[in-house]
Amino acid sequence: MCQTVIFAKSGIECETVKELKEALPNLELLKCDSYKTIDDDSCLCQVDLDRTFDKAGLDWKCDCMQFTLNAL
């Protein structure tokens, strides 16, 4: 099962790196240690979403592999 990012207010759902970059173009994505690079057309499992959202100061919660951005 792969990670999903949901924007609570708008209902946008992102399942790939490309989708997340389109939704948040200024967000710096931090790579998980187990990956060498981040591929835009692949799933979000290669992104360390916890660290990425914390570094960006975003209000988020996680339920298993579903990350919800509360303020967006």
PDB file of N, CA and C in Angstrom:
ATOM      1  N   MET A   1       0.848  -1.188   0.000  1.00  0.00           N
ATOM      2  CA  MET A   1       0.000   0.000   0.000  1.00  0.00           C
ATOM      3  C   MET A   1       0.885   1.239   0.000  1.00  0.00           C
ATOM      4  N   CYS A   2       0.550   2.197  -0.828  1.00  0.00           N
ATOM      5  CA  CYS A   2       1.335   3.418  -0.947  1.00  0.00           C
ATOM      6  C   CYS A   2       0.703   4.567  -0.167  1.00  0.00           C
ATOM      7  N   GLN A   3       1.516   5.584   0.037  1.00  0.00           N
ATOM      8  CA  GLN A   3       1.068   6.762   0.768  1.00  0.00           C
ATOM      9  C   GLN A   3       0.179   7.642  -0.108  1.00  0.00           C
ATOM     10  N   THR A   4      -0.765   8.304   0.533  1.00  0.00           N
ATOM     11  CA  THR A   4      -1.653   9.249  -0.123  1.00  0.00           C
ATOM     12  C   THR A   4      -1.661  10.532   0.694  1.00  0.00           C
ATOM     13  N   VAL A   5      -1.697  11.672   0.019  1.00  0.00           N
ATOM     14  CA  VAL A   5      -1.825  12.963   0.688  1.00  0.00           C
ATOM     15  C   VAL A   5      -3.179  13.542   0.309  1.00  0.00           C
ATOM     16  N   ILE A   6      -3.940  13.927   1.345  1.00  0.00           N
ATOM     17  CA  ILE A   6      -5.266  14.501   1.141  1.00  0.00           C
ATOM     18  C   ILE A   6      -5.284  15.912   1.708  1.00  0.00           C
ATOM     19  N   PHE A   7      -5.794  16.840   0.922  1.00  0.00           N
ATOM     20  CA  PHE A   7      -5.963  18.218   1.375  1.00  0.00           C
ATOM     21  C   PHE A   7      -7.362  18.323   1.979  1.00  0.00           C
ATOM     22  N   ALA A   8      -7.443  18.525   3.282  1.00  0.00           N
ATOM     23  CA  ALA A   8      -8.713  18.449   4.005  1.00  0.00           C
ATOM     24  C   ALA A   8      -9.764  19.430   3.478  1.00  0.00           C
ATOM     25  N   LYS A   9      -9.369  20.654   3.199  1.00  0.00           N
ATOM     26  CA  LYS A   9     -10.350  21.667   2.798  1.00  0.00           C
ATOM     27  C   LYS A   9     -10.779  21.541   1.339  1.00  0.00           C
ATOM     28  N   SER A  10      -9.842  21.270   0.458  1.00  0.00           N
ATOM     29  CA  SER A  10     -10.171  21.228  -0.974  1.00  0.00           C
ATOM     30  C   SER A  10     -10.549  19.835  -1.463  1.00  0.00           C
ATOM     31  N   GLY A  11     -10.164  18.798  -0.709  1.00  0.00           N
ATOM     32  CA  GLY A  11     -10.464  17.435  -1.115  1.00  0.00           C
ATOM     33  C   GLY A  11      -9.506  16.871  -2.150  1.00  0.00           C
ATOM     34  N   ILE A  12      -8.475  17.634  -2.509  1.00  0.00           N
ATOM     35  CA  ILE A  12      -7.477  17.143  -3.471  1.00  0.00           C
ATOM     36  C   ILE A  12      -6.754  15.938  -2.876  1.00  0.00           C
ATOM     37  N   GLU A  13      -6.539  14.919  -3.703  1.00  0.00           N
ATOM     38  CA  GLU A  13      -5.787  13.739  -3.283  1.00  0.00           C
ATOM     39  C   GLU A  13      -4.591  13.563  -4.203  1.00  0.00           C
ATOM     40  N   CYS A  14      -3.438  13.310  -3.610  1.00  0.00           N
ATOM     41  CA  CYS A  14      -2.199  13.089  -4.363  1.00  0.00           C
ATOM     42  C   CYS A  14      -1.670  11.696  -4.064  1.00  0.00           C
ATOM     43  N   GLU A  15      -1.370  10.958  -5.116  1.00  0.00           N
ATOM     44  CA  GLU A  15      -0.821   9.612  -4.960  1.00  0.00           C
ATOM     45  C   GLU A  15       0.553   9.466  -5.600  1.00  0.00           C
ATOM     46  N   THR A  16       0.968  10.483  -6.382  1.00  0.00           N
ATOM     47  CA  THR A  16       2.291  10.445  -7.001  1.00  0.00           C
ATOM     48  C   THR A  16       3.055  11.709  -6.628  1.00  0.00           C
ATOM     49  N   VAL A  17       4.360  11.653  -6.814  1.00  0.00           N
ATOM     50  CA  VAL A  17       5.205  12.816  -6.559  1.00  0.00           C
ATOM     51  C   VAL A  17       4.783  13.971  -7.471  1.00  0.00           C
ATOM     52  N   LYS A  18       4.511  13.679  -8.721  1.00  0.00           N
ATOM     53  CA  LYS A  18       4.103  14.708  -9.676  1.00  0.00           C
ATOM     54  C   LYS A  18       2.838  15.432  -9.211  1.00  0.00           C
ATOM     55  N   GLU A  19       1.853  14.681  -8.735  1.00  0.00           N
ATOM     56  CA  GLU A  19       0.607  15.285  -8.251  1.00  0.00           C
ATOM     57  C   GLU A  19       0.865  16.193  -7.046  1.00  0.00           C
ATOM     58  N   LEU A  20       1.727  15.757  -6.138  1.00  0.00           N
ATOM     59  CA  LEU A  20       2.025  16.565  -4.957  1.00  0.00           C
ATOM     60  C   LEU A  20       2.784  17.825  -5.346  1.00  0.00           C
ATOM     61  N   LYS A  21       3.714  17.708  -6.292  1.00  0.00           N
ATOM     62  CA  LYS A  21       4.448  18.884  -6.759  1.00  0.00           C
ATOM     63  C   LYS A  21       3.523  19.881  -7.455  1.00  0.00           C
ATOM     64  N   GLU A  22       2.539  19.390  -8.180  1.00  0.00           N
ATOM     65  CA  GLU A  22       1.580  20.274  -8.838  1.00  0.00           C
ATOM     66  C   GLU A  22       0.700  20.979  -7.817  1.00  0.00           C
ATOM     67  N   ALA A  23       0.322  20.283  -6.757  1.00  0.00           N
ATOM     68  CA  ALA A  23      -0.542  20.853  -5.725  1.00  0.00           C
ATOM     69  C   ALA A  23       0.214  21.826  -4.821  1.00  0.00           C
ATOM     70  N   LEU A  24       1.482  21.525  -4.544  1.00  0.00           N
ATOM     71  CA  LEU A  24       2.318  22.363  -3.681  1.00  0.00           C
ATOM     72  C   LEU A  24       3.675  22.592  -4.349  1.00  0.00           C
ATOM     73  N   PRO A  25       3.717  23.441  -5.354  1.00  0.00           N
ATOM     74  CA  PRO A  25       4.944  23.594  -6.146  1.00  0.00           C
ATOM     75  C   PRO A  25       6.153  24.113  -5.375  1.00  0.00           C
ATOM     76  N   ASN A  26       5.966  24.800  -4.271  1.00  0.00           N
ATOM     77  CA  ASN A  26       7.094  25.348  -3.510  1.00  0.00           C
ATOM     78  C   ASN A  26       7.545  24.447  -2.370  1.00  0.00           C
ATOM     79  N   LEU A  27       6.912  23.300  -2.214  1.00  0.00           N
ATOM     80  CA  LEU A  27       7.257  22.381  -1.124  1.00  0.00           C
ATOM     81  C   LEU A  27       8.550  21.637  -1.445  1.00  0.00           C
ATOM     82  N   GLU A  28       9.502  21.682  -0.526  1.00  0.00           N
ATOM     83  CA  GLU A  28      10.750  20.920  -0.685  1.00  0.00           C
ATOM     84  C   GLU A  28      10.504  19.488  -0.221  1.00  0.00           C
ATOM     85  N   LEU A  29      10.601  18.541  -1.144  1.00  0.00           N
ATOM     86  CA  LEU A  29      10.366  17.138  -0.822  1.00  0.00           C
ATOM     87  C   LEU A  29      11.652  16.502  -0.308  1.00  0.00           C
ATOM     88  N   LEU A  30      11.561  15.866   0.848  1.00  0.00           N
ATOM     89  CA  LEU A  30      12.710  15.201   1.451  1.00  0.00           C
ATOM     90  C   LEU A  30      12.622  13.705   1.176  1.00  0.00           C
ATOM     91  N   LYS A  31      13.680  13.167   0.633  1.00  0.00           N
ATOM     92  CA  LYS A  31      13.739  11.769   0.215  1.00  0.00           C
ATOM     93  C   LYS A  31      13.879  10.836   1.416  1.00  0.00           C
ATOM     94  N   CYS A  32      13.200   9.696   1.344  1.00  0.00           N
ATOM     95  CA  CYS A  32      13.408   8.629   2.335  1.00  0.00           C
ATOM     96  C   CYS A  32      14.818   8.074   2.144  1.00  0.00           C
ATOM     97  N   ASP A  33      15.433   7.684   3.224  1.00  0.00           N
ATOM     98  CA  ASP A  33      16.810   7.188   3.177  1.00  0.00           C
ATOM     99  C   ASP A  33      16.971   5.942   2.306  1.00  0.00           C
ATOM    100  N   SER A  34      15.926   5.165   2.149  1.00  0.00           N
ATOM    101  CA  SER A  34      16.026   3.912   1.399  1.00  0.00           C
ATOM    102  C   SER A  34      15.956   4.106  -0.122  1.00  0.00           C
ATOM    103  N   TYR A  35      15.771   5.350  -0.581  1.00  0.00           N
ATOM    104  CA  TYR A  35      15.717   5.646  -2.015  1.00  0.00           C
ATOM    105  C   TYR A  35      16.906   6.509  -2.407  1.00  0.00           C
ATOM    106  N   LYS A  36      17.388   6.308  -3.635  1.00  0.00           N
ATOM    107  CA  LYS A  36      18.510   7.114  -4.129  1.00  0.00           C
ATOM    108  C   LYS A  36      18.037   8.443  -4.704  1.00  0.00           C
ATOM    109  N   THR A  37      16.917   8.427  -5.380  1.00  0.00           N
ATOM    110  CA  THR A  37      16.369   9.631  -6.001  1.00  0.00           C
ATOM    111  C   THR A  37      14.849   9.634  -5.846  1.00  0.00           C
ATOM    112  N   ILE A  38      14.251  10.763  -6.173  1.00  0.00           N
ATOM    113  CA  ILE A  38      12.795  10.881  -6.189  1.00  0.00           C
ATOM    114  C   ILE A  38      12.350  10.952  -7.646  1.00  0.00           C
ATOM    115  N   ASP A  39      11.516  10.006  -8.059  1.00  0.00           N
ATOM    116  CA  ASP A  39      10.987   9.934  -9.421  1.00  0.00           C
ATOM    117  C   ASP A  39       9.572  10.514  -9.436  1.00  0.00           C
ATOM    118  N   ASP A  40       9.368  11.564 -10.224  1.00  0.00           N
ATOM    119  CA  ASP A  40       8.080  12.263 -10.253  1.00  0.00           C
ATOM    120  C   ASP A  40       6.899  11.370 -10.611  1.00  0.00           C
ATOM    121  N   ASP A  41       7.108  10.364 -11.426  1.00  0.00           N
ATOM    122  CA  ASP A  41       6.003   9.523 -11.880  1.00  0.00           C
ATOM    123  C   ASP A  41       5.731   8.322 -10.981  1.00  0.00           C
ATOM    124  N   SER A  42       6.423   8.241  -9.875  1.00  0.00           N
ATOM    125  CA  SER A  42       6.244   7.119  -8.955  1.00  0.00           C
ATOM    126  C   SER A  42       5.422   7.526  -7.739  1.00  0.00           C
ATOM    127  N   CYS A  43       5.139   6.550  -6.902  1.00  0.00           N
ATOM    128  CA  CYS A  43       4.320   6.783  -5.712  1.00  0.00           C
ATOM    129  C   CYS A  43       5.064   7.648  -4.693  1.00  0.00           C
ATOM    130  N   LEU A  44       4.352   8.044  -3.654  1.00  0.00           N
ATOM    131  CA  LEU A  44       4.899   8.928  -2.634  1.00  0.00           C
ATOM    132  C   LEU A  44       5.731   8.206  -1.575  1.00  0.00           C
ATOM    133  N   CYS A  45       5.860   6.899  -1.660  1.00  0.00           N
ATOM    134  CA  CYS A  45       6.624   6.150  -0.657  1.00  0.00           C
ATOM    135  C   CYS A  45       8.098   6.551  -0.622  1.00  0.00           C
ATOM    136  N   GLN A  46       8.597   7.120  -1.699  1.00  0.00           N
ATOM    137  CA  GLN A  46       9.991   7.544  -1.760  1.00  0.00           C
ATOM    138  C   GLN A  46      10.235   8.879  -1.059  1.00  0.00           C
ATOM    139  N   VAL A  47       9.152   9.548  -0.640  1.00  0.00           N
ATOM    140  CA  VAL A  47       9.245  10.848   0.041  1.00  0.00           C
ATOM    141  C   VAL A  47       9.002  10.642   1.534  1.00  0.00           C
ATOM    142  N   ASP A  48       9.860  11.225   2.353  1.00  0.00           N
ATOM    143  CA  ASP A  48       9.664  11.195   3.798  1.00  0.00           C
ATOM    144  C   ASP A  48       8.659  12.298   4.133  1.00  0.00           C
ATOM    145  N   LEU A  49       7.392  11.956   4.079  1.00  0.00           N
ATOM    146  CA  LEU A  49       6.338  12.953   4.247  1.00  0.00           C
ATOM    147  C   LEU A  49       6.331  13.551   5.647  1.00  0.00           C
ATOM    148  N   ASP A  50       6.619  12.770   6.670  1.00  0.00           N
ATOM    149  CA  ASP A  50       6.676  13.297   8.039  1.00  0.00           C
ATOM    150  C   ASP A  50       7.659  14.469   8.118  1.00  0.00           C
ATOM    151  N   ARG A  51       8.891  14.225   7.692  1.00  0.00           N
ATOM    152  CA  ARG A  51       9.932  15.261   7.744  1.00  0.00           C
ATOM    153  C   ARG A  51       9.621  16.412   6.792  1.00  0.00           C
ATOM    154  N   THR A  52       9.103  16.095   5.604  1.00  0.00           N
ATOM    155  CA  THR A  52       8.770  17.125   4.613  1.00  0.00           C
ATOM    156  C   THR A  52       7.739  18.096   5.172  1.00  0.00           C
ATOM    157  N   PHE A  53       6.656  17.575   5.730  1.00  0.00           N
ATOM    158  CA  PHE A  53       5.589  18.433   6.244  1.00  0.00           C
ATOM    159  C   PHE A  53       6.022  19.178   7.504  1.00  0.00           C
ATOM    160  N   ASP A  54       6.792  18.511   8.370  1.00  0.00           N
ATOM    161  CA  ASP A  54       7.295  19.185   9.575  1.00  0.00           C
ATOM    162  C   ASP A  54       8.211  20.345   9.209  1.00  0.00           C
ATOM    163  N   LYS A  55       9.130  20.116   8.278  1.00  0.00           N
ATOM    164  CA  LYS A  55      10.071  21.158   7.864  1.00  0.00           C
ATOM    165  C   LYS A  55       9.336  22.345   7.254  1.00  0.00           C
ATOM    166  N   ALA A  56       8.251  22.074   6.538  1.00  0.00           N
ATOM    167  CA  ALA A  56       7.464  23.137   5.900  1.00  0.00           C
ATOM    168  C   ALA A  56       6.523  23.834   6.882  1.00  0.00           C
ATOM    169  N   GLY A  57       6.408  23.301   8.098  1.00  0.00           N
ATOM    170  CA  GLY A  57       5.527  23.893   9.098  1.00  0.00           C
ATOM    171  C   GLY A  57       4.055  23.662   8.819  1.00  0.00           C
ATOM    172  N   LEU A  58       3.740  22.589   8.101  1.00  0.00           N
ATOM    173  CA  LEU A  58       2.347  22.281   7.777  1.00  0.00           C
ATOM    174  C   LEU A  58       1.676  21.517   8.906  1.00  0.00           C
ATOM    175  N   ASP A  59       0.400  21.794   9.106  1.00  0.00           N
ATOM    176  CA  ASP A  59      -0.421  21.076  10.082  1.00  0.00           C
ATOM    177  C   ASP A  59      -0.948  19.820   9.395  1.00  0.00           C
ATOM    178  N   TRP A  60      -0.531  18.644   9.875  1.00  0.00           N
ATOM    179  CA  TRP A  60      -0.892  17.400   9.217  1.00  0.00           C
ATOM    180  C   TRP A  60      -1.159  16.307  10.246  1.00  0.00           C
ATOM    181  N   LYS A  61      -1.827  15.267   9.792  1.00  0.00           N
ATOM    182  CA  LYS A  61      -2.022  14.068  10.614  1.00  0.00           C
ATOM    183  C   LYS A  61      -1.881  12.865   9.698  1.00  0.00           C
ATOM    184  N   CYS A  62      -1.588  11.730  10.287  1.00  0.00           N
ATOM    185  CA  CYS A  62      -1.415  10.518   9.496  1.00  0.00           C
ATOM    186  C   CYS A  62      -2.227   9.390  10.118  1.00  0.00           C
ATOM    187  N   ASP A  63      -2.947   8.696   9.268  1.00  0.00           N
ATOM    188  CA  ASP A  63      -3.681   7.500   9.664  1.00  0.00           C
ATOM    189  C   ASP A  63      -3.187   6.389   8.748  1.00  0.00           C
ATOM    190  N   CYS A  64      -2.293   5.594   9.273  1.00  0.00           N
ATOM    191  CA  CYS A  64      -1.633   4.534   8.519  1.00  0.00           C
ATOM    192  C   CYS A  64      -0.811   5.163   7.408  1.00  0.00           C
ATOM    193  N   MET A  65      -1.194   5.036   6.170  1.00  0.00           N
ATOM    194  CA  MET A  65      -0.435   5.585   5.040  1.00  0.00           C
ATOM    195  C   MET A  65      -1.148   6.772   4.393  1.00  0.00           C
ATOM    196  N   GLN A  66      -2.184   7.283   5.056  1.00  0.00           N
ATOM    197  CA  GLN A  66      -2.947   8.416   4.535  1.00  0.00           C
ATOM    198  C   GLN A  66      -2.589   9.663   5.326  1.00  0.00           C
ATOM    199  N   PHE A  67      -1.957  10.618   4.661  1.00  0.00           N
ATOM    200  CA  PHE A  67      -1.559  11.877   5.276  1.00  0.00           C
ATOM    201  C   PHE A  67      -2.593  12.944   4.917  1.00  0.00           C
ATOM    202  N   THR A  68      -3.079  13.652   5.920  1.00  0.00           N
ATOM    203  CA  THR A  68      -4.063  14.712   5.693  1.00  0.00           C
ATOM    204  C   THR A  68      -3.446  16.049   6.076  1.00  0.00           C
ATOM    205  N   LEU A  69      -3.485  16.979   5.146  1.00  0.00           N
ATOM    206  CA  LEU A  69      -3.031  18.349   5.407  1.00  0.00           C
ATOM    207  C   LEU A  69      -4.256  19.136   5.849  1.00  0.00           C
ATOM    208  N   ASN A  70      -4.287  19.470   7.134  1.00  0.00           N
ATOM    209  CA  ASN A  70      -5.495  20.034   7.739  1.00  0.00           C
ATOM    210  C   ASN A  70      -5.865  21.423   7.261  1.00  0.00           C
ATOM    211  N   ALA A  71      -4.896  22.272   6.997  1.00  0.00           N
ATOM    212  CA  ALA A  71      -5.187  23.672   6.675  1.00  0.00           C
ATOM    213  C   ALA A  71      -5.350  23.917   5.177  1.00  0.00           C
ATOM    214  N   LEU A  72      -5.136  22.904   4.364  1.00  0.00           N
ATOM    215  CA  LEU A  72      -5.197  23.119   2.915  1.00  0.00           C
ATOM    216  C   LEU A  72      -6.369  22.381   2.276  1.00  0.00           C
TER     217      LEU A  72
END
